[in-house]
Amino acid sequence: MNNDRNVVVSGGVSTTGLLGIAFIVLKLTGYINWSWWWVLAPFWMPFVILIAGVIITFILLGIVSLFE
């Protein structure tokens, strides 16, 4: 019996995650004097961009449907 399995495991920290961790370390060690909103931006900004893209898509679909 052949029990060989091709298992692909994907994991790890993304680029934005590494950037966020770096910003947090820099903030806590005093190297940057940014607001916490900007320090944590790599974690929340992709969601804001996604939501903005969805809203713009719905607006454009609404405009296109007006001209049909």
Protein backbone atom coordinates (compact mmCIF):
# COMPACT_ATOMS: atom_id res chain seq x y z
CA MET A 1 0.00 0.00 0.00
CA ASN A 2 1.31 3.40 -0.96
CA ASN A 3 0.93 5.97 1.80
CA ASP A 4 2.81 8.79 0.10
CA ARG A 5 0.90 12.03 0.37
CA ASN A 6 1.63 15.31 -1.27
CA VAL A 7 0.76 17.79 1.41
CA VAL A 8 1.33 21.47 0.79
CA VAL A 9 1.44 23.51 3.93
CA SER A 10 1.30 27.23 3.49
CA GLY A 11 1.75 29.50 6.42
CA GLY A 12 3.79 32.19 7.95
CA VAL A 13 3.66 35.90 8.32
CA SER A 14 2.72 38.14 5.42
CA THR A 15 4.64 41.21 4.35
CA THR A 16 2.11 43.50 6.00
CA GLY A 17 2.34 41.42 9.16
CA LEU A 18 6.12 41.79 9.26
CA LEU A 19 5.82 45.50 8.59
CA GLY A 20 3.27 45.84 11.39
CA ILE A 21 5.46 43.95 13.83
CA ALA A 22 8.45 46.11 12.86
CA PHE A 23 6.43 49.29 13.39
CA ILE A 24 5.25 48.08 16.81
CA VAL A 25 8.81 47.27 17.88
CA LEU A 26 10.04 50.65 16.65
CA LYS A 27 7.21 52.43 18.49
CA LEU A 28 7.81 50.57 21.75
CA THR A 29 11.55 51.18 21.63
CA GLY A 30 11.05 54.89 20.94
CA TYR A 31 12.63 55.05 17.46
CA ILE A 32 9.44 56.40 15.90
CA ASN A 33 7.00 58.83 17.42
CA TRP A 34 3.97 58.00 15.28
CA SER A 35 0.38 57.71 16.40
CA TRP A 36 -0.76 54.16 17.18
CA TRP A 37 -3.23 54.50 14.27
CA TRP A 38 -0.30 54.65 11.83
CA VAL A 39 1.75 52.05 13.66
CA LEU A 40 -1.13 49.57 13.37
CA ALA A 41 -2.04 50.64 9.80
CA PRO A 42 -0.48 47.55 8.15
CA PHE A 43 -3.08 45.44 9.99
CA TRP A 44 -6.23 47.47 9.24
CA MET A 45 -5.39 49.23 5.98
CA PRO A 46 -5.86 46.17 3.70
CA PHE A 47 -9.44 45.83 4.98
CA VAL A 48 -10.13 49.50 4.32
CA ILE A 49 -8.78 49.16 0.78
CA LEU A 50 -10.90 46.04 0.22
CA ILE A 51 -14.08 47.73 1.47
CA ALA A 52 -13.35 50.82 -0.65
CA GLY A 53 -12.88 48.59 -3.69
CA VAL A 54 -16.20 46.84 -3.07
CA ILE A 55 -18.02 50.15 -2.65
CA ILE A 56 -16.47 51.58 -5.83
CA THR A 57 -17.40 48.41 -7.72
CA PHE A 58 -21.03 48.67 -6.62
CA ILE A 59 -21.13 52.34 -7.56
CA LEU A 60 -19.68 51.62 -11.01
CA LEU A 61 -22.10 48.73 -11.54
CA GLY A 62 -24.97 51.04 -10.62
CA ILE A 63 -23.80 53.68 -13.07
CA VAL A 64 -23.38 51.12 -15.86
CA SER A 65 -26.84 49.70 -15.24
CA LEU A 66 -28.33 53.20 -15.68
CA PHE A 67 -27.06 53.31 -19.26
CA GLU A 68 -28.42 49.91 -20.32
